[in-house]
Amino acid sequence: MSKVVCVTGGSGCIGSWLVSLLLGRDYTVHATVKDLKDENETKHLEALEGADTRLRLFQIDLLDLDSIVAAVNGCAGVFHLASPCIVDQVQDPQKELLDPAIKGTLNVLTAAKEAGVGRVVVTSSISAITPSPNWPADAVKGEDCWTDIEYCKQKGLWYPLSKTLAEKAAWEFSKEKGLDVVVVNPGTVMGPVISPRLNASMIMLVRILQGCTETYEDFFMGSVHFKDVALAHILVYENKAATGRHLCVEAISHYGDFVAKVAVLHPEYNVPRLPRDTQPGLLRAKDASKKLIDLGLQFIPMEQIIKEAVDSLKSKGFIS
């Protein structure tokens, strides 16, 4: 039982990496997908080493508690990754982002509590830390910084709003119901993709390589490798001394820093020239993810993240 865990959103870019690393550590994994009949969600997971004997796939709807209960039953731990990530145009914010993020998180935590789960790792986001325009300009943004809810509502920043409200709901639930919850807040997650579909961060990289000049000033706060995010989840799950939020970026950097690095590493693409300071008031920092570094995580540097991500995009035919 102690080696049986559930991963919601197991078919996504981060989820696939987490399932792979858990199987590699002899865990039995209950991975959830939206549609068991969709091979884009299942085939790459079933091909992972150890999947034939220690992977079970479950179809869930985040708004249907019963479907989640079936996946969580018999598990000692839960990794809750499933949450829609749309940073472009959103037609119906409540239906597309807010309900699945907030109610979905509460449903997963309710199922975990009922099943007697020992620890739940909730995947939040850098988007629950920034945008935070009132944060002091001379202070590094970290785990004690929260996204400004009113600013998000005014600017129509529905994704940061959904992640912030979902994480706050998780902490409230944990306090009220006595459930052991720990949180990982990843930045812009990139690298080699296992899943056939790209996440928002990898789509952003494709756009950069195609010459897109958007600066994403309210979203970007630093890059991080898929593998490091997956490892961070396992570290905070296995280390019972780990508590609270865990910022997960290889460094706090501006979007302009990242784009400039892509341009240097890949001169063959039409990468735009952007101002260096794409996020006013954001202080650069190398060891901002100190909590995870202290747990033993050695972050893969930005150069390697970009190189492996671009190689992956090429090999999978997303860019020529």
C-alpha atoms as a PDB file:
ATOM      1  CA  MET A   1       0.000   0.000   0.000  1.00  0.00           C
ATOM      2  CA  SER A   2       2.758   2.473   0.913  1.00  0.00           C
ATOM      3  CA  LYS A   3       4.106   2.265  -2.650  1.00  0.00           C
ATOM      4  CA  VAL A   4       0.724   2.860  -4.335  1.00  0.00           C
ATOM      5  CA  VAL A   5       0.099   6.469  -5.415  1.00  0.00           C
ATOM      6  CA  CYS A   6      -2.350   8.343  -7.623  1.00  0.00           C
ATOM      7  CA  VAL A   7      -1.275  10.952 -10.194  1.00  0.00           C
ATOM      8  CA  THR A   8      -4.108  13.110 -11.520  1.00  0.00           C
ATOM      9  CA  GLY A   9      -3.395  14.580 -14.939  1.00  0.00           C
ATOM     10  CA  GLY A  10      -0.990  11.720 -15.568  1.00  0.00           C
ATOM     11  CA  SER A  11      -1.049  12.064 -19.359  1.00  0.00           C
ATOM     12  CA  GLY A  12       0.186  15.667 -19.479  1.00  0.00           C
ATOM     13  CA  CYS A  13       3.762  16.820 -20.010  1.00  0.00           C
ATOM     14  CA  ILE A  14       4.651  17.018 -16.299  1.00  0.00           C
ATOM     15  CA  GLY A  15       2.377  14.124 -15.356  1.00  0.00           C
ATOM     16  CA  SER A  16       4.036  11.767 -17.857  1.00  0.00           C
ATOM     17  CA  TRP A  17       7.475  12.552 -16.417  1.00  0.00           C
ATOM     18  CA  LEU A  18       6.216  12.048 -12.865  1.00  0.00           C
ATOM     19  CA  VAL A  19       4.566   8.710 -13.721  1.00  0.00           C
ATOM     20  CA  SER A  20       7.798   7.599 -15.438  1.00  0.00           C
ATOM     21  CA  LEU A  21      10.000   8.496 -12.443  1.00  0.00           C
ATOM     22  CA  LEU A  22       7.570   6.902  -9.959  1.00  0.00           C
ATOM     23  CA  LEU A  23       7.500   3.658 -11.956  1.00  0.00           C
ATOM     24  CA  GLY A  24      11.319   3.797 -12.010  1.00  0.00           C
ATOM     25  CA  ARG A  25      11.242   3.904  -8.201  1.00  0.00           C
ATOM     26  CA  ASP A  26       9.018   0.802  -7.973  1.00  0.00           C
ATOM     27  CA  TYR A  27       5.800   2.651  -7.172  1.00  0.00           C
ATOM     28  CA  THR A  28       2.467   1.325  -8.399  1.00  0.00           C
ATOM     29  CA  VAL A  29       0.719   4.260 -10.059  1.00  0.00           C
ATOM     30  CA  HIS A  30      -2.964   5.062 -10.563  1.00  0.00           C
ATOM     31  CA  ALA A  31      -2.741   7.670 -13.352  1.00  0.00           C
ATOM     32  CA  THR A  32      -5.840   9.616 -14.344  1.00  0.00           C
ATOM     33  CA  VAL A  33      -6.758  10.754 -17.840  1.00  0.00           C
ATOM     34  CA  LYS A  34      -9.751  12.583 -19.316  1.00  0.00           C
ATOM     35  CA  ASP A  35     -10.576   9.924 -21.907  1.00  0.00           C
ATOM     36  CA  LEU A  36      -9.415   6.295 -21.838  1.00  0.00           C
ATOM     37  CA  LYS A  37     -10.330   5.924 -25.524  1.00  0.00           C
ATOM     38  CA  ASP A  38      -7.942   8.717 -26.580  1.00  0.00           C
ATOM     39  CA  GLU A  39      -4.585   7.153 -27.515  1.00  0.00           C
ATOM     40  CA  ASN A  40      -2.897  10.574 -27.182  1.00  0.00           C
ATOM     41  CA  GLU A  41      -3.622  10.276 -23.466  1.00  0.00           C
ATOM     42  CA  THR A  42      -2.860   6.604 -22.903  1.00  0.00           C
ATOM     43  CA  LYS A  43      -0.377   5.132 -25.390  1.00  0.00           C
ATOM     44  CA  HIS A  44       2.753   6.977 -24.198  1.00  0.00           C
ATOM     45  CA  LEU A  45       1.984   6.042 -20.575  1.00  0.00           C
ATOM     46  CA  GLU A  46       1.421   2.372 -21.394  1.00  0.00           C
ATOM     47  CA  ALA A  47       4.804   2.359 -23.188  1.00  0.00           C
ATOM     48  CA  LEU A  48       6.716   3.442 -20.045  1.00  0.00           C
ATOM     49  CA  GLU A  49       9.039   0.944 -18.388  1.00  0.00           C
ATOM     50  CA  GLY A  50       7.185  -0.877 -15.600  1.00  0.00           C
ATOM     51  CA  ALA A  51       3.762   0.213 -16.890  1.00  0.00           C
ATOM     52  CA  ASP A  52       2.687  -3.296 -17.869  1.00  0.00           C
ATOM     53  CA  THR A  53       2.682  -4.469 -14.238  1.00  0.00           C
ATOM     54  CA  ARG A  54       2.464  -1.314 -12.080  1.00  0.00           C
ATOM     55  CA  LEU A  55       0.367   1.249 -13.957  1.00  0.00           C
ATOM     56  CA  ARG A  56      -3.425   1.502 -13.836  1.00  0.00           C
ATOM     57  CA  LEU A  57      -5.259   4.146 -15.852  1.00  0.00           C
ATOM     58  CA  PHE A  58      -8.468   5.772 -14.634  1.00  0.00           C
ATOM     59  CA  GLN A  59     -10.807   8.105 -16.481  1.00  0.00           C
ATOM     60  CA  ILE A  60     -11.890  11.021 -14.289  1.00  0.00           C
ATOM     61  CA  ASP A  61     -13.853  14.233 -14.506  1.00  0.00           C
ATOM     62  CA  LEU A  62     -12.548  16.791 -11.978  1.00  0.00           C
ATOM     63  CA  LEU A  63     -16.122  17.901 -11.256  1.00  0.00           C
ATOM     64  CA  ASP A  64     -17.291  14.321 -10.588  1.00  0.00           C
ATOM     65  CA  LEU A  65     -16.182  13.257  -7.104  1.00  0.00           C
ATOM     66  CA  ASP A  66     -17.126   9.587  -7.605  1.00  0.00           C
ATOM     67  CA  SER A  67     -14.801   9.208 -10.591  1.00  0.00           C
ATOM     68  CA  ILE A  68     -11.921  10.589  -8.497  1.00  0.00           C
ATOM     69  CA  VAL A  69     -12.736   8.338  -5.510  1.00  0.00           C
ATOM     70  CA  ALA A  70     -12.312   5.266  -7.738  1.00  0.00           C
ATOM     71  CA  ALA A  71      -8.810   6.402  -8.775  1.00  0.00           C
ATOM     72  CA  VAL A  72      -7.655   7.392  -5.272  1.00  0.00           C
ATOM     73  CA  ASN A  73      -8.936   4.339  -3.372  1.00  0.00           C
ATOM     74  CA  GLY A  74      -6.113   2.081  -2.191  1.00  0.00           C
ATOM     75  CA  CYS A  75      -3.460   4.792  -2.515  1.00  0.00           C
ATOM     76  CA  ALA A  76      -1.090   5.995   0.215  1.00  0.00           C
ATOM     77  CA  GLY A  77      -0.335   9.257  -1.574  1.00  0.00           C
ATOM     78  CA  VAL A  78      -1.813  11.531  -4.218  1.00  0.00           C
ATOM     79  CA  PHE A  79      -0.125  13.923  -6.650  1.00  0.00           C
ATOM     80  CA  HIS A  80      -2.726  16.380  -7.923  1.00  0.00           C
ATOM     81  CA  LEU A  81      -1.557  17.805 -11.246  1.00  0.00           C
ATOM     82  CA  ALA A  82      -4.793  17.895 -13.269  1.00  0.00           C
ATOM     83  CA  SER A  83      -5.886  21.472 -13.922  1.00  0.00           C
ATOM     84  CA  PRO A  84      -6.592  23.273 -17.209  1.00  0.00           C
ATOM     85  CA  CYS A  85      -3.825  25.608 -18.392  1.00  0.00           C
ATOM     86  CA  ILE A  86      -5.021  28.228 -20.873  1.00  0.00           C
ATOM     87  CA  VAL A  87      -3.077  31.483 -21.042  1.00  0.00           C
ATOM     88  CA  ASP A  88      -4.592  32.770 -24.295  1.00  0.00           C
ATOM     89  CA  GLN A  89      -8.181  33.767 -25.020  1.00  0.00           C
ATOM     90  CA  VAL A  90     -10.682  32.286 -22.579  1.00  0.00           C
ATOM     91  CA  GLN A  91     -14.361  32.356 -23.569  1.00  0.00           C
ATOM     92  CA  ASP A  92     -15.881  31.266 -20.248  1.00  0.00           C
ATOM     93  CA  PRO A  93     -13.353  31.649 -17.378  1.00  0.00           C
ATOM     94  CA  GLN A  94     -15.639  30.070 -14.769  1.00  0.00           C
ATOM     95  CA  LYS A  95     -16.322  26.927 -16.795  1.00  0.00           C
ATOM     96  CA  GLU A  96     -12.969  26.578 -18.577  1.00  0.00           C
ATOM     97  CA  LEU A  97     -10.567  27.407 -15.730  1.00  0.00           C
ATOM     98  CA  LEU A  98     -11.972  28.371 -12.333  1.00  0.00           C
ATOM     99  CA  ASP A  99     -14.395  25.482 -11.675  1.00  0.00           C
ATOM    100  CA  PRO A 100     -12.040  22.641 -12.750  1.00  0.00           C
ATOM    101  CA  ALA A 101      -9.115  24.207 -10.837  1.00  0.00           C
ATOM    102  CA  ILE A 102     -10.892  25.058  -7.575  1.00  0.00           C
ATOM    103  CA  LYS A 103     -13.714  22.500  -7.346  1.00  0.00           C
ATOM    104  CA  GLY A 104     -11.458  19.880  -8.922  1.00  0.00           C
ATOM    105  CA  THR A 105      -8.796  20.417  -6.258  1.00  0.00           C
ATOM    106  CA  LEU A 106     -11.379  20.220  -3.460  1.00  0.00           C
ATOM    107  CA  ASN A 107     -12.819  17.016  -4.959  1.00  0.00           C
ATOM    108  CA  VAL A 108      -9.361  15.408  -5.105  1.00  0.00           C
ATOM    109  CA  LEU A 109      -8.636  16.414  -1.509  1.00  0.00           C
ATOM    110  CA  THR A 110     -12.048  15.148  -0.375  1.00  0.00           C
ATOM    111  CA  ALA A 111     -11.427  11.787  -2.076  1.00  0.00           C
ATOM    112  CA  ALA A 112      -7.941  11.637  -0.508  1.00  0.00           C
ATOM    113  CA  LYS A 113      -9.291  12.393   2.972  1.00  0.00           C
ATOM    114  CA  GLU A 114     -12.021   9.734   2.646  1.00  0.00           C
ATOM    115  CA  ALA A 115      -9.471   7.160   1.412  1.00  0.00           C
ATOM    116  CA  GLY A 116      -7.116   7.797   4.360  1.00  0.00           C
ATOM    117  CA  VAL A 117      -4.313   9.067   2.113  1.00  0.00           C
ATOM    118  CA  GLY A 118      -1.149   9.985   4.026  1.00  0.00           C
ATOM    119  CA  ARG A 119       0.034  12.982   1.974  1.00  0.00           C
ATOM    120  CA  VAL A 120      -1.214  14.981  -1.011  1.00  0.00           C
ATOM    121  CA  VAL A 121       1.201  16.925  -3.194  1.00  0.00           C
ATOM    122  CA  VAL A 122      -0.678  19.707  -4.982  1.00  0.00           C
ATOM    123  CA  THR A 123       0.846  21.142  -8.153  1.00  0.00           C
ATOM    124  CA  SER A 124       0.275  24.865  -7.963  1.00  0.00           C
ATOM    125  CA  SER A 125       2.218  27.291 -10.145  1.00  0.00           C
ATOM    126  CA  ILE A 126       4.475  30.305 -10.314  1.00  0.00           C
ATOM    127  CA  SER A 127       1.171  31.898 -11.365  1.00  0.00           C
ATOM    128  CA  ALA A 128       0.057  31.728  -7.723  1.00  0.00           C
ATOM    129  CA  ILE A 129       3.152  33.804  -6.776  1.00  0.00           C
ATOM    130  CA  THR A 130       3.103  36.378  -9.575  1.00  0.00           C
ATOM    131  CA  PRO A 131       1.641  38.754 -10.863  1.00  0.00           C
ATOM    132  CA  SER A 132       2.054  40.602  -7.566  1.00  0.00           C
ATOM    133  CA  PRO A 133       2.568  44.275  -8.516  1.00  0.00           C
ATOM    134  CA  ASN A 134       2.557  45.529  -4.912  1.00  0.00           C
ATOM    135  CA  TRP A 135       5.501  43.330  -3.867  1.00  0.00           C
ATOM    136  CA  PRO A 136       8.557  45.428  -2.835  1.00  0.00           C
ATOM    137  CA  ALA A 137      10.902  45.919  -5.814  1.00  0.00           C
ATOM    138  CA  ASP A 138      13.984  45.203  -3.667  1.00  0.00           C
ATOM    139  CA  ALA A 139      12.690  41.836  -2.386  1.00  0.00           C
ATOM    140  CA  VAL A 140      12.968  38.486  -4.172  1.00  0.00           C
ATOM    141  CA  LYS A 141       9.616  36.857  -4.834  1.00  0.00           C
ATOM    142  CA  GLY A 142       9.372  33.513  -3.085  1.00  0.00           C
ATOM    143  CA  GLU A 143       7.037  31.224  -1.193  1.00  0.00           C
ATOM    144  CA  ASP A 144       5.765  34.099   0.975  1.00  0.00           C
ATOM    145  CA  CYS A 145       4.570  36.047  -2.089  1.00  0.00           C
ATOM    146  CA  TRP A 146       1.037  35.590  -3.459  1.00  0.00           C
ATOM    147  CA  THR A 147      -0.550  36.615  -6.745  1.00  0.00           C
ATOM    148  CA  ASP A 148      -2.754  39.708  -6.501  1.00  0.00           C
ATOM    149  CA  ILE A 149      -6.315  38.409  -6.963  1.00  0.00           C
ATOM    150  CA  GLU A 150      -7.874  41.825  -7.706  1.00  0.00           C
ATOM    151  CA  TYR A 151      -5.151  42.620 -10.272  1.00  0.00           C
ATOM    152  CA  CYS A 152      -5.910  39.319 -12.055  1.00  0.00           C
ATOM    153  CA  LYS A 153      -9.644  40.085 -12.141  1.00  0.00           C
ATOM    154  CA  GLN A 154      -9.048  43.600 -13.497  1.00  0.00           C
ATOM    155  CA  LYS A 155      -6.635  42.384 -16.196  1.00  0.00           C
ATOM    156  CA  GLY A 156      -8.585  39.223 -17.105  1.00  0.00           C
ATOM    157  CA  LEU A 157      -5.655  36.991 -16.063  1.00  0.00           C
ATOM    158  CA  TRP A 158      -7.815  33.931 -15.535  1.00  0.00           C
ATOM    159  CA  TYR A 159      -5.107  31.277 -15.372  1.00  0.00           C
ATOM    160  CA  PRO A 160      -3.133  32.901 -12.489  1.00  0.00           C
ATOM    161  CA  LEU A 161      -6.459  33.553 -10.771  1.00  0.00           C
ATOM    162  CA  SER A 162      -7.474  29.885 -11.105  1.00  0.00           C
ATOM    163  CA  LYS A 163      -4.153  28.593  -9.715  1.00  0.00           C
ATOM    164  CA  THR A 164      -4.114  31.097  -6.836  1.00  0.00           C
ATOM    165  CA  LEU A 165      -7.695  30.396  -5.726  1.00  0.00           C
ATOM    166  CA  ALA A 166      -7.181  26.621  -6.091  1.00  0.00           C
ATOM    167  CA  GLU A 167      -4.022  26.675  -3.958  1.00  0.00           C
ATOM    168  CA  LYS A 168      -5.658  28.857  -1.303  1.00  0.00           C
ATOM    169  CA  ALA A 169      -8.616  26.428  -1.249  1.00  0.00           C
ATOM    170  CA  ALA A 170      -6.178  23.514  -0.769  1.00  0.00           C
ATOM    171  CA  TRP A 171      -4.538  25.186   2.248  1.00  0.00           C
ATOM    172  CA  GLU A 172      -7.938  25.983   3.744  1.00  0.00           C
ATOM    173  CA  PHE A 173      -9.071  22.362   3.290  1.00  0.00           C
ATOM    174  CA  SER A 174      -5.829  21.046   4.791  1.00  0.00           C
ATOM    175  CA  LYS A 175      -6.277  23.224   7.887  1.00  0.00           C
ATOM    176  CA  GLU A 176      -9.963  22.454   8.385  1.00  0.00           C
ATOM    177  CA  LYS A 177      -9.882  18.703   7.686  1.00  0.00           C
ATOM    178  CA  GLY A 178      -6.416  17.862   8.996  1.00  0.00           C
ATOM    179  CA  LEU A 179      -5.136  16.499   5.676  1.00  0.00           C
ATOM    180  CA  ASP A 180      -1.362  16.536   5.092  1.00  0.00           C
ATOM    181  CA  VAL A 181      -0.906  18.778   2.031  1.00  0.00           C
ATOM    182  CA  VAL A 182       2.346  20.062   0.525  1.00  0.00           C
ATOM    183  CA  VAL A 183       2.633  22.266  -2.575  1.00  0.00           C
ATOM    184  CA  VAL A 184       5.028  22.627  -5.535  1.00  0.00           C
ATOM    185  CA  ASN A 185       4.989  25.915  -7.497  1.00  0.00           C
ATOM    186  CA  PRO A 186       6.743  25.278 -10.838  1.00  0.00           C
ATOM    187  CA  GLY A 187       7.758  28.016 -13.256  1.00  0.00           C
ATOM    188  CA  THR A 188       7.739  27.699 -17.031  1.00  0.00           C
ATOM    189  CA  VAL A 189       8.210  23.939 -17.464  1.00  0.00           C
ATOM    190  CA  MET A 190      10.092  22.720 -20.554  1.00  0.00           C
ATOM    191  CA  GLY A 191      12.387  19.993 -21.830  1.00  0.00           C
ATOM    192  CA  PRO A 192      12.001  16.689 -23.694  1.00  0.00           C
ATOM    193  CA  VAL A 193       8.321  15.792 -24.045  1.00  0.00           C
ATOM    194  CA  ILE A 194       7.060  12.264 -23.369  1.00  0.00           C
ATOM    195  CA  SER A 195       3.437  13.073 -24.151  1.00  0.00           C
ATOM    196  CA  PRO A 196       2.300  13.713 -27.758  1.00  0.00           C
ATOM    197  CA  ARG A 197       0.687  17.032 -26.777  1.00  0.00           C
ATOM    198  CA  LEU A 198       2.614  20.155 -25.786  1.00  0.00           C
ATOM    199  CA  ASN A 199       2.011  22.113 -22.597  1.00  0.00           C
ATOM    200  CA  ALA A 200       1.568  25.919 -22.612  1.00  0.00           C
ATOM    201  CA  SER A 201       5.281  26.488 -21.851  1.00  0.00           C
ATOM    202  CA  MET A 202       6.463  24.424 -24.812  1.00  0.00           C
ATOM    203  CA  ILE A 203       3.925  26.165 -27.075  1.00  0.00           C
ATOM    204  CA  MET A 204       5.451  29.447 -25.874  1.00  0.00           C
ATOM    205  CA  LEU A 205       8.906  28.179 -26.923  1.00  0.00           C
ATOM    206  CA  VAL A 206       7.570  27.237 -30.375  1.00  0.00           C
ATOM    207  CA  ARG A 207       6.217  30.789 -30.726  1.00  0.00           C
ATOM    208  CA  ILE A 208       9.595  32.286 -29.754  1.00  0.00           C
ATOM    209  CA  LEU A 209      11.325  30.170 -32.426  1.00  0.00           C
ATOM    210  CA  GLN A 210       8.729  31.425 -34.925  1.00  0.00           C
ATOM    211  CA  GLY A 211       9.493  35.063 -34.074  1.00  0.00           C
ATOM    212  CA  CYS A 212       6.657  35.934 -31.655  1.00  0.00           C
ATOM    213  CA  THR A 213       7.411  39.234 -29.852  1.00  0.00           C
ATOM    214  CA  GLU A 214       4.912  38.920 -26.973  1.00  0.00           C
ATOM    215  CA  THR A 215       6.605  39.475 -23.574  1.00  0.00           C
ATOM    216  CA  TYR A 216       4.264  37.531 -21.192  1.00  0.00           C
ATOM    217  CA  GLU A 217       5.092  40.044 -18.455  1.00  0.00           C
ATOM    218  CA  ASP A 218       2.407  38.721 -16.096  1.00  0.00           C
ATOM    219  CA  PHE A 219       3.299  35.040 -16.525  1.00  0.00           C
ATOM    220  CA  PHE A 220       7.020  34.324 -16.761  1.00  0.00           C
ATOM    221  CA  MET A 221       9.291  34.107 -13.704  1.00  0.00           C
ATOM    222  CA  GLY A 222      11.815  31.461 -14.685  1.00  0.00           C
ATOM    223  CA  SER A 223      12.258  28.172 -16.507  1.00  0.00           C
ATOM    224  CA  VAL A 224      12.530  24.652 -15.115  1.00  0.00           C
ATOM    225  CA  HIS A 225      13.062  21.175 -16.623  1.00  0.00           C
ATOM    226  CA  PHE A 226      10.212  18.635 -16.698  1.00  0.00           C
ATOM    227  CA  LYS A 227      12.418  16.133 -14.881  1.00  0.00           C
ATOM    228  CA  ASP A 228      13.221  18.585 -12.071  1.00  0.00           C
ATOM    229  CA  VAL A 229       9.538  19.358 -11.492  1.00  0.00           C
ATOM    230  CA  ALA A 230       8.748  15.642 -11.336  1.00  0.00           C
ATOM    231  CA  LEU A 231      11.670  15.080  -8.946  1.00  0.00           C
ATOM    232  CA  ALA A 232      10.501  17.991  -6.778  1.00  0.00           C
ATOM    233  CA  HIS A 233       7.110  16.289  -6.386  1.00  0.00           C
ATOM    234  CA  ILE A 234       8.734  13.028  -5.292  1.00  0.00           C
ATOM    235  CA  LEU A 235      11.135  14.821  -2.917  1.00  0.00           C
ATOM    236  CA  VAL A 236       8.371  16.682  -1.075  1.00  0.00           C
ATOM    237  CA  TYR A 237       6.240  13.527  -0.988  1.00  0.00           C
ATOM    238  CA  GLU A 238       8.935  11.259   0.431  1.00  0.00           C
ATOM    239  CA  ASN A 239      10.482  13.804   2.807  1.00  0.00           C
ATOM    240  CA  LYS A 240       8.027  14.202   5.670  1.00  0.00           C
ATOM    241  CA  ALA A 241       9.931  17.279   6.919  1.00  0.00           C
ATOM    242  CA  ALA A 242       8.899  19.110   3.733  1.00  0.00           C
ATOM    243  CA  THR A 243       6.037  21.501   4.472  1.00  0.00           C
ATOM    244  CA  GLY A 244       4.296  24.440   2.840  1.00  0.00           C
ATOM    245  CA  ARG A 245       4.972  25.821  -0.634  1.00  0.00           C
ATOM    246  CA  HIS A 246       8.029  25.024  -2.769  1.00  0.00           C
ATOM    247  CA  LEU A 247       9.029  27.447  -5.514  1.00  0.00           C
ATOM    248  CA  CYS A 248      10.410  25.345  -8.388  1.00  0.00           C
ATOM    249  CA  VAL A 249      12.552  27.255 -10.920  1.00  0.00           C
ATOM    250  CA  GLU A 250      16.195  26.909 -11.924  1.00  0.00           C
ATOM    251  CA  ALA A 251      16.466  30.684 -11.365  1.00  0.00           C
ATOM    252  CA  ILE A 252      14.167  33.704 -11.190  1.00  0.00           C
ATOM    253  CA  SER A 253      14.811  35.311 -14.559  1.00  0.00           C
ATOM    254  CA  HIS A 254      13.080  37.734 -16.879  1.00  0.00           C
ATOM    255  CA  TYR A 255      11.338  36.489 -20.010  1.00  0.00           C
ATOM    256  CA  GLY A 256      13.836  38.633 -21.924  1.00  0.00           C
ATOM    257  CA  ASP A 257      16.753  36.685 -20.381  1.00  0.00           C
ATOM    258  CA  PHE A 258      15.238  33.439 -21.599  1.00  0.00           C
ATOM    259  CA  VAL A 259      14.522  34.681 -25.134  1.00  0.00           C
ATOM    260  CA  ALA A 260      18.062  36.093 -25.428  1.00  0.00           C
ATOM    261  CA  LYS A 261      19.455  32.691 -24.418  1.00  0.00           C
ATOM    262  CA  VAL A 262      17.299  30.938 -27.059  1.00  0.00           C
ATOM    263  CA  ALA A 263      18.624  33.397 -29.685  1.00  0.00           C
ATOM    264  CA  VAL A 264      22.261  32.636 -28.761  1.00  0.00           C
ATOM    265  CA  LEU A 265      21.776  28.861 -28.696  1.00  0.00           C
ATOM    266  CA  HIS A 266      19.640  28.725 -31.860  1.00  0.00           C
ATOM    267  CA  PRO A 267      20.735  31.464 -34.294  1.00  0.00           C
ATOM    268  CA  GLU A 268      19.157  29.448 -37.129  1.00  0.00           C
ATOM    269  CA  TYR A 269      15.692  30.576 -35.966  1.00  0.00           C
ATOM    270  CA  ASN A 270      14.072  33.983 -36.257  1.00  0.00           C
ATOM    271  CA  VAL A 271      14.120  34.646 -32.494  1.00  0.00           C
ATOM    272  CA  PRO A 272      12.921  38.184 -31.641  1.00  0.00           C
ATOM    273  CA  ARG A 273      15.001  40.768 -29.807  1.00  0.00           C
ATOM    274  CA  LEU A 274      13.208  41.757 -26.609  1.00  0.00           C
ATOM    275  CA  PRO A 275      14.030  44.235 -23.847  1.00  0.00           C
ATOM    276  CA  ARG A 276      16.076  42.634 -21.064  1.00  0.00           C
ATOM    277  CA  ASP A 277      13.661  43.797 -18.366  1.00  0.00           C
ATOM    278  CA  THR A 278      10.404  42.267 -19.520  1.00  0.00           C
ATOM    279  CA  GLN A 279       8.988  42.113 -15.975  1.00  0.00           C
ATOM    280  CA  PRO A 280       9.200  45.447 -14.174  1.00  0.00           C
ATOM    281  CA  GLY A 281       9.879  45.044 -10.459  1.00  0.00           C
ATOM    282  CA  LEU A 282      11.068  41.426 -10.717  1.00  0.00           C
ATOM    283  CA  LEU A 283      14.384  40.750  -8.985  1.00  0.00           C
ATOM    284  CA  ARG A 284      16.609  38.111 -10.599  1.00  0.00           C
ATOM    285  CA  ALA A 285      17.785  35.353  -8.239  1.00  0.00           C
ATOM    286  CA  LYS A 286      19.827  32.159  -8.693  1.00  0.00           C
ATOM    287  CA  ASP A 287      18.872  30.198  -5.577  1.00  0.00           C
ATOM    288  CA  ALA A 288      15.234  31.265  -5.178  1.00  0.00           C
ATOM    289  CA  SER A 289      14.176  27.597  -4.935  1.00  0.00           C
ATOM    290  CA  LYS A 290      16.268  27.152  -1.781  1.00  0.00           C
ATOM    291  CA  LYS A 291      13.730  24.861  -0.084  1.00  0.00           C
ATOM    292  CA  LEU A 292      14.048  22.299  -2.889  1.00  0.00           C
ATOM    293  CA  ILE A 293      17.826  22.786  -3.175  1.00  0.00           C
ATOM    294  CA  ASP A 294      18.071  22.016   0.563  1.00  0.00           C
ATOM    295  CA  LEU A 295      16.117  18.802  -0.073  1.00  0.00           C
ATOM    296  CA  GLY A 296      18.821  17.783  -2.558  1.00  0.00           C
ATOM    297  CA  LEU A 297      17.451  18.969  -5.907  1.00  0.00           C
ATOM    298  CA  GLN A 298      20.168  20.124  -8.295  1.00  0.00           C
ATOM    299  CA  PHE A 299      18.438  22.151 -10.991  1.00  0.00           C
ATOM    300  CA  ILE A 300      19.263  21.620 -14.668  1.00  0.00           C
ATOM    301  CA  PRO A 301      20.506  25.002 -16.048  1.00  0.00           C
ATOM    302  CA  MET A 302      18.544  27.092 -18.547  1.00  0.00           C
ATOM    303  CA  GLU A 303      20.950  26.350 -21.453  1.00  0.00           C
ATOM    304  CA  GLN A 304      20.365  22.610 -21.131  1.00  0.00           C
ATOM    305  CA  ILE A 305      16.596  23.059 -20.713  1.00  0.00           C
ATOM    306  CA  ILE A 306      16.436  25.051 -23.965  1.00  0.00           C
ATOM    307  CA  LYS A 307      18.697  22.665 -25.872  1.00  0.00           C
ATOM    308  CA  GLU A 308      16.764  19.534 -24.847  1.00  0.00           C
ATOM    309  CA  ALA A 309      13.407  21.237 -25.408  1.00  0.00           C
ATOM    310  CA  VAL A 310      14.296  22.380 -28.937  1.00  0.00           C
ATOM    311  CA  ASP A 311      15.792  18.953 -29.810  1.00  0.00           C
ATOM    312  CA  SER A 312      12.550  17.351 -28.619  1.00  0.00           C
ATOM    313  CA  LEU A 313      10.384  19.751 -30.647  1.00  0.00           C
ATOM    314  CA  LYS A 314      12.433  18.911 -33.743  1.00  0.00           C
ATOM    315  CA  SER A 315      12.362  15.141 -33.239  1.00  0.00           C
ATOM    316  CA  LYS A 316       8.577  15.187 -32.652  1.00  0.00           C
ATOM    317  CA  GLY A 317       7.968  17.346 -35.736  1.00  0.00           C
ATOM    318  CA  PHE A 318       6.597  20.409 -33.915  1.00  0.00           C
ATOM    319  CA  ILE A 319       9.242  22.618 -35.587  1.00  0.00           C
ATOM    320  CA  SER A 320      11.335  22.057 -38.706  1.00  0.00           C
END
